């Protein structure tokens, strides 16, 4: 997910996106714990997406 795509979204949409990403991260962590995850890079991508969303939410909060 690109940051330019996220900047267009509203704060409410970003909150929904953050919630879905945290649920995805939890699922991936459970797969790692049970050794069912084949592609470990998925976890890193989700963590980075969460950081992007949080950063943009902070920027939007500072602008208002």
PDB file of N, CA and C in Angstrom:
ATOM      1  N   UNK A   1       0.846  -1.162   0.000  1.00  0.00           N
ATOM      2  CA  UNK A   1       0.000   0.000   0.000  1.00  0.00           C
ATOM      3  C   UNK A   1       0.900   1.236   0.000  1.00  0.00           C
ATOM      4  N   UNK A   2       0.600   2.165  -0.888  1.00  0.00           N
ATOM      5  CA  UNK A   2       1.413   3.366  -0.998  1.00  0.00           C
ATOM      6  C   UNK A   2       0.865   4.465  -0.107  1.00  0.00           C
ATOM      7  N   UNK A   3       1.751   5.322   0.351  1.00  0.00           N
ATOM      8  CA  UNK A   3       1.317   6.411   1.219  1.00  0.00           C
ATOM      9  C   UNK A   3       0.467   7.421   0.453  1.00  0.00           C
ATOM     10  N   UNK A   4       0.682   7.556  -0.847  1.00  0.00           N
ATOM     11  CA  UNK A   4      -0.136   8.485  -1.640  1.00  0.00           C
ATOM     12  C   UNK A   4      -1.589   8.021  -1.700  1.00  0.00           C
ATOM     13  N   UNK A   5      -1.800   6.715  -1.701  1.00  0.00           N
ATOM     14  CA  UNK A   5      -3.162   6.176  -1.677  1.00  0.00           C
ATOM     15  C   UNK A   5      -3.825   6.456  -0.328  1.00  0.00           C
ATOM     16  N   UNK A   6      -3.045   6.391   0.733  1.00  0.00           N
ATOM     17  CA  UNK A   6      -3.592   6.595   2.068  1.00  0.00           C
ATOM     18  C   UNK A   6      -3.904   8.062   2.341  1.00  0.00           C
ATOM     19  N   UNK A   7      -3.126   8.970   1.777  1.00  0.00           N
ATOM     20  CA  UNK A   7      -3.336  10.394   2.030  1.00  0.00           C
ATOM     21  C   UNK A   7      -4.666  10.887   1.488  1.00  0.00           C
ATOM     22  N   UNK A   8      -5.199  10.209   0.486  1.00  0.00           N
ATOM     23  CA  UNK A   8      -6.475  10.605  -0.122  1.00  0.00           C
ATOM     24  C   UNK A   8      -7.654  10.219   0.768  1.00  0.00           C
ATOM     25  N   UNK A   9      -7.476   9.191   1.575  1.00  0.00           N
ATOM     26  CA  UNK A   9      -8.564   8.681   2.402  1.00  0.00           C
ATOM     27  C   UNK A   9      -8.853   9.607   3.577  1.00  0.00           C
ATOM     28  N   UNK A  10     -10.082   9.523   4.078  1.00  0.00           N
ATOM     29  CA  UNK A  10     -10.465  10.315   5.250  1.00  0.00           C
ATOM     30  C   UNK A  10      -9.951   9.637   6.519  1.00  0.00           C
ATOM     31  N   UNK A  11     -10.045  10.356   7.623  1.00  0.00           N
ATOM     32  CA  UNK A  11      -9.559   9.821   8.899  1.00  0.00           C
ATOM     33  C   UNK A  11     -10.364   8.587   9.309  1.00  0.00           C
ATOM     34  N   UNK A  12     -11.670   8.596   9.052  1.00  0.00           N
ATOM     35  CA  UNK A  12     -12.506   7.438   9.403  1.00  0.00           C
ATOM     36  C   UNK A  12     -12.105   6.212   8.587  1.00  0.00           C
ATOM     37  N   UNK A  13     -11.822   6.419   7.303  1.00  0.00           N
ATOM     38  CA  UNK A  13     -11.386   5.308   6.465  1.00  0.00           C
ATOM     39  C   UNK A  13     -10.028   4.774   6.923  1.00  0.00           C
ATOM     40  N   UNK A  14      -9.166   5.681   7.358  1.00  0.00           N
ATOM     41  CA  UNK A  14      -7.858   5.251   7.841  1.00  0.00           C
ATOM     42  C   UNK A  14      -7.989   4.452   9.137  1.00  0.00           C
ATOM     43  N   UNK A  15      -8.922   4.833   9.989  1.00  0.00           N
ATOM     44  CA  UNK A  15      -9.161   4.072  11.221  1.00  0.00           C
ATOM     45  C   UNK A  15      -9.630   2.663  10.895  1.00  0.00           C
ATOM     46  N   UNK A  16     -10.524   2.535   9.903  1.00  0.00           N
ATOM     47  CA  UNK A  16     -11.001   1.209   9.491  1.00  0.00           C
ATOM     48  C   UNK A  16      -9.851   0.387   8.916  1.00  0.00           C
ATOM     49  N   UNK A  17      -9.018   1.030   8.128  1.00  0.00           N
ATOM     50  CA  UNK A  17      -7.866   0.356   7.541  1.00  0.00           C
ATOM     51  C   UNK A  17      -6.910  -0.119   8.630  1.00  0.00           C
ATOM     52  N   UNK A  18      -6.704   0.715   9.636  1.00  0.00           N
ATOM     53  CA  UNK A  18      -5.826   0.351  10.748  1.00  0.00           C
ATOM     54  C   UNK A  18      -6.378  -0.843  11.510  1.00  0.00           C
ATOM     55  N   UNK A  19      -7.677  -0.871  11.724  1.00  0.00           N
ATOM     56  CA  UNK A  19      -8.302  -1.989  12.425  1.00  0.00           C
ATOM     57  C   UNK A  19      -8.135  -3.289  11.635  1.00  0.00           C
ATOM     58  N   UNK A  20      -8.348  -3.223  10.334  1.00  0.00           N
ATOM     59  CA  UNK A  20      -8.209  -4.438   9.531  1.00  0.00           C
ATOM     60  C   UNK A  20      -6.756  -4.904   9.473  1.00  0.00           C
ATOM     61  N   UNK A  21      -5.823  -3.960   9.448  1.00  0.00           N
ATOM     62  CA  UNK A  21      -4.411  -4.345   9.426  1.00  0.00           C
ATOM     63  C   UNK A  21      -3.978  -4.965  10.752  1.00  0.00           C
ATOM     64  N   UNK A  22      -4.482  -4.455  11.855  1.00  0.00           N
ATOM     65  CA  UNK A  22      -4.114  -5.047  13.147  1.00  0.00           C
ATOM     66  C   UNK A  22      -4.701  -6.450  13.289  1.00  0.00           C
ATOM     67  N   UNK A  23      -5.888  -6.663  12.743  1.00  0.00           N
ATOM     68  CA  UNK A  23      -6.460  -8.015  12.760  1.00  0.00           C
ATOM     69  C   UNK A  23      -5.638  -8.951  11.887  1.00  0.00           C
ATOM     70  N   UNK A  24      -5.183  -8.454  10.738  1.00  0.00           N
ATOM     71  CA  UNK A  24      -4.344  -9.267   9.859  1.00  0.00           C
ATOM     72  C   UNK A  24      -3.019  -9.592  10.537  1.00  0.00           C
ATOM     73  N   UNK A  25      -2.457  -8.621  11.253  1.00  0.00           N
ATOM     74  CA  UNK A  25      -1.204  -8.846  11.960  1.00  0.00           C
ATOM     75  C   UNK A  25      -1.382  -9.913  13.040  1.00  0.00           C
ATOM     76  N   UNK A  26      -2.494  -9.858  13.747  1.00  0.00           N
ATOM     77  CA  UNK A  26      -2.754 -10.866  14.780  1.00  0.00           C
ATOM     78  C   UNK A  26      -2.832 -12.256  14.157  1.00  0.00           C
ATOM     79  N   UNK A  27      -3.555 -12.361  13.041  1.00  0.00           N
ATOM     80  CA  UNK A  27      -3.663 -13.646  12.363  1.00  0.00           C
ATOM     81  C   UNK A  27      -2.316 -14.176  11.908  1.00  0.00           C
ATOM     82  N   UNK A  28      -1.490 -13.287  11.385  1.00  0.00           N
ATOM     83  CA  UNK A  28      -0.161 -13.710  10.943  1.00  0.00           C
ATOM     84  C   UNK A  28       0.712 -14.128  12.123  1.00  0.00           C
ATOM     85  N   UNK A  29       0.593 -13.427  13.244  1.00  0.00           N
ATOM     86  CA  UNK A  29       1.371 -13.809  14.427  1.00  0.00           C
ATOM     87  C   UNK A  29       0.949 -15.179  14.935  1.00  0.00           C
ATOM     88  N   UNK A  30      -0.327 -15.483  14.853  1.00  0.00           N
ATOM     89  CA  UNK A  30      -0.798 -16.803  15.275  1.00  0.00           C
ATOM     90  C   UNK A  30      -0.272 -17.877  14.336  1.00  0.00           C
ATOM     91  N   UNK A  31      -0.205 -17.554  13.044  1.00  0.00           N
ATOM     92  CA  UNK A  31       0.340 -18.514  12.088  1.00  0.00           C
ATOM     93  C   UNK A  31       1.824 -18.759  12.345  1.00  0.00           C
ATOM     94  N   UNK A  32       2.549 -17.718  12.739  1.00  0.00           N
ATOM     95  CA  UNK A  32       3.968 -17.890  13.065  1.00  0.00           C
ATOM     96  C   UNK A  32       4.100 -18.767  14.301  1.00  0.00           C
ATOM     97  N   UNK A  33       3.254 -18.545  15.287  1.00  0.00           N
ATOM     98  CA  UNK A  33       3.348 -19.311  16.530  1.00  0.00           C
ATOM     99  C   UNK A  33       3.050 -20.789  16.314  1.00  0.00           C
ATOM    100  N   UNK A  34       2.141 -21.081  15.388  1.00  0.00           N
ATOM    101  CA  UNK A  34       1.796 -22.479  15.121  1.00  0.00           C
ATOM    102  C   UNK A  34       2.576 -23.047  13.939  1.00  0.00           C
ATOM    103  N   UNK A  35       3.547 -22.283  13.458  1.00  0.00           N
ATOM    104  CA  UNK A  35       4.415 -22.678  12.346  1.00  0.00           C
ATOM    105  C   UNK A  35       3.642 -23.010  11.080  1.00  0.00           C
ATOM    106  N   UNK A  36       2.604 -22.224  10.791  1.00  0.00           N
ATOM    107  CA  UNK A  36       1.821 -22.420   9.577  1.00  0.00           C
ATOM    108  C   UNK A  36       2.123 -21.369   8.515  1.00  0.00           C
ATOM    109  N   UNK A  37       2.885 -20.341   8.875  1.00  0.00           N
ATOM    110  CA  UNK A  37       3.174 -19.260   7.940  1.00  0.00           C
ATOM    111  C   UNK A  37       4.383 -19.635   7.088  1.00  0.00           C
ATOM    112  N   UNK A  38       4.173 -19.635   5.768  1.00  0.00           N
ATOM    113  CA  UNK A  38       5.251 -19.991   4.856  1.00  0.00           C
ATOM    114  C   UNK A  38       6.062 -18.768   4.444  1.00  0.00           C
ATOM    115  N   UNK A  39       5.379 -17.628   4.276  1.00  0.00           N
ATOM    116  CA  UNK A  39       6.034 -16.420   3.793  1.00  0.00           C
ATOM    117  C   UNK A  39       6.148 -15.415   4.937  1.00  0.00           C
ATOM    118  N   UNK A  40       7.307 -15.357   5.560  1.00  0.00           N
ATOM    119  CA  UNK A  40       7.494 -14.486   6.718  1.00  0.00           C
ATOM    120  C   UNK A  40       7.498 -13.009   6.357  1.00  0.00           C
ATOM    121  N   UNK A  41       7.709 -12.687   5.097  1.00  0.00           N
ATOM    122  CA  UNK A  41       7.751 -11.284   4.691  1.00  0.00           C
ATOM    123  C   UNK A  41       6.370 -10.633   4.773  1.00  0.00           C
ATOM    124  N   UNK A  42       5.315 -11.431   4.814  1.00  0.00           N
ATOM    125  CA  UNK A  42       3.956 -10.879   4.945  1.00  0.00           C
ATOM    126  C   UNK A  42       3.812 -10.118   6.251  1.00  0.00           C
ATOM    127  N   UNK A  43       4.390 -10.643   7.300  1.00  0.00           N
ATOM    128  CA  UNK A  43       4.308 -10.000   8.610  1.00  0.00           C
ATOM    129  C   UNK A  43       5.002  -8.639   8.587  1.00  0.00           C
ATOM    130  N   UNK A  44       6.139  -8.562   7.944  1.00  0.00           N
ATOM    131  CA  UNK A  44       6.874  -7.309   7.838  1.00  0.00           C
ATOM    132  C   UNK A  44       6.090  -6.281   7.021  1.00  0.00           C
ATOM    133  N   UNK A  45       5.457  -6.722   5.939  1.00  0.00           N
ATOM    134  CA  UNK A  45       4.676  -5.808   5.103  1.00  0.00           C
ATOM    135  C   UNK A  45       3.495  -5.228   5.870  1.00  0.00           C
ATOM    136  N   UNK A  46       2.837  -6.064   6.661  1.00  0.00           N
ATOM    137  CA  UNK A  46       1.684  -5.595   7.433  1.00  0.00           C
ATOM    138  C   UNK A  46       2.145  -4.608   8.504  1.00  0.00           C
ATOM    139  N   UNK A  47       3.264  -4.888   9.143  1.00  0.00           N
ATOM    140  CA  UNK A  47       3.790  -3.964  10.162  1.00  0.00           C
ATOM    141  C   UNK A  47       4.117  -2.610   9.556  1.00  0.00           C
ATOM    142  N   UNK A  48       4.696  -2.611   8.375  1.00  0.00           N
ATOM    143  CA  UNK A  48       5.030  -1.352   7.704  1.00  0.00           C
ATOM    144  C   UNK A  48       3.774  -0.596   7.290  1.00  0.00           C
ATOM    145  N   UNK A  49       2.754  -1.324   6.826  1.00  0.00           N
ATOM    146  CA  UNK A  49       1.492  -0.677   6.455  1.00  0.00           C
ATOM    147  C   UNK A  49       0.834  -0.043   7.678  1.00  0.00           C
ATOM    148  N   UNK A  50       0.893  -0.726   8.811  1.00  0.00           N
ATOM    149  CA  UNK A  50       0.334  -0.169  10.045  1.00  0.00           C
ATOM    150  C   UNK A  50       1.065   1.127  10.401  1.00  0.00           C
ATOM    151  N   UNK A  51       2.377   1.115  10.272  1.00  0.00           N
ATOM    152  CA  UNK A  51       3.159   2.314  10.579  1.00  0.00           C
ATOM    153  C   UNK A  51       2.802   3.457   9.635  1.00  0.00           C
ATOM    154  N   UNK A  52       2.594   3.144   8.349  1.00  0.00           N
ATOM    155  CA  UNK A  52       2.209   4.179   7.389  1.00  0.00           C
ATOM    156  C   UNK A  52       0.867   4.806   7.759  1.00  0.00           C
ATOM    157  N   UNK A  53      -0.096   3.954   8.094  1.00  0.00           N
ATOM    158  CA  UNK A  53      -1.431   4.452   8.427  1.00  0.00           C
ATOM    159  C   UNK A  53      -1.369   5.313   9.689  1.00  0.00           C
ATOM    160  N   UNK A  54      -0.637   4.862  10.687  1.00  0.00           N
ATOM    161  CA  UNK A  54      -0.532   5.640  11.919  1.00  0.00           C
ATOM    162  C   UNK A  54       0.153   6.982  11.678  1.00  0.00           C
ATOM    163  N   UNK A  55       1.165   6.999  10.828  1.00  0.00           N
ATOM    164  CA  UNK A  55       1.868   8.237  10.518  1.00  0.00           C
ATOM    165  C   UNK A  55       0.947   9.229   9.833  1.00  0.00           C
ATOM    166  N   UNK A  56       0.178   8.755   8.879  1.00  0.00           N
ATOM    167  CA  UNK A  56      -0.713   9.650   8.144  1.00  0.00           C
ATOM    168  C   UNK A  56      -1.852  10.127   9.041  1.00  0.00           C
ATOM    169  N   UNK A  57      -2.329   9.267   9.934  1.00  0.00           N
ATOM    170  CA  UNK A  57      -3.349   9.703  10.891  1.00  0.00           C
ATOM    171  C   UNK A  57      -2.807  10.807  11.791  1.00  0.00           C
ATOM    172  N   UNK A  58      -1.557  10.668  12.207  1.00  0.00           N
ATOM    173  CA  UNK A  58      -0.942  11.699  13.036  1.00  0.00           C
ATOM    174  C   UNK A  58      -0.799  12.999  12.258  1.00  0.00           C
ATOM    175  N   UNK A  59      -0.408  12.915  11.008  1.00  0.00           N
ATOM    176  CA  UNK A  59      -0.275  14.116  10.175  1.00  0.00           C
ATOM    177  C   UNK A  59      -1.609  14.798   9.981  1.00  0.00           C
ATOM    178  N   UNK A  60      -2.643  14.016   9.751  1.00  0.00           N
ATOM    179  CA  UNK A  60      -3.974  14.606   9.566  1.00  0.00           C
ATOM    180  C   UNK A  60      -4.464  15.251  10.840  1.00  0.00           C
ATOM    181  N   UNK A  61      -4.135  14.679  11.980  1.00  0.00           N
ATOM    182  CA  UNK A  61      -4.526  15.254  13.257  1.00  0.00           C
ATOM    183  C   UNK A  61      -3.805  16.571  13.528  1.00  0.00           C
ATOM    184  N   UNK A  62      -2.560  16.653  13.091  1.00  0.00           N
ATOM    185  CA  UNK A  62      -1.781  17.869  13.306  1.00  0.00           C
ATOM    186  C   UNK A  62      -2.243  18.990  12.393  1.00  0.00           C
ATOM    187  N   UNK A  63      -2.775  18.648  11.236  1.00  0.00           N
ATOM    188  CA  UNK A  63      -3.219  19.672  10.272  1.00  0.00           C
ATOM    189  C   UNK A  63      -4.488  20.334  10.728  1.00  0.00           C
ATOM    190  N   UNK A  64      -5.326  19.602  11.436  1.00  0.00           N
ATOM    191  CA  UNK A  64      -6.630  20.163  11.790  1.00  0.00           C
ATOM    192  C   UNK A  64      -6.584  20.983  13.025  1.00  0.00           C
TER     193      UNK A  64
END
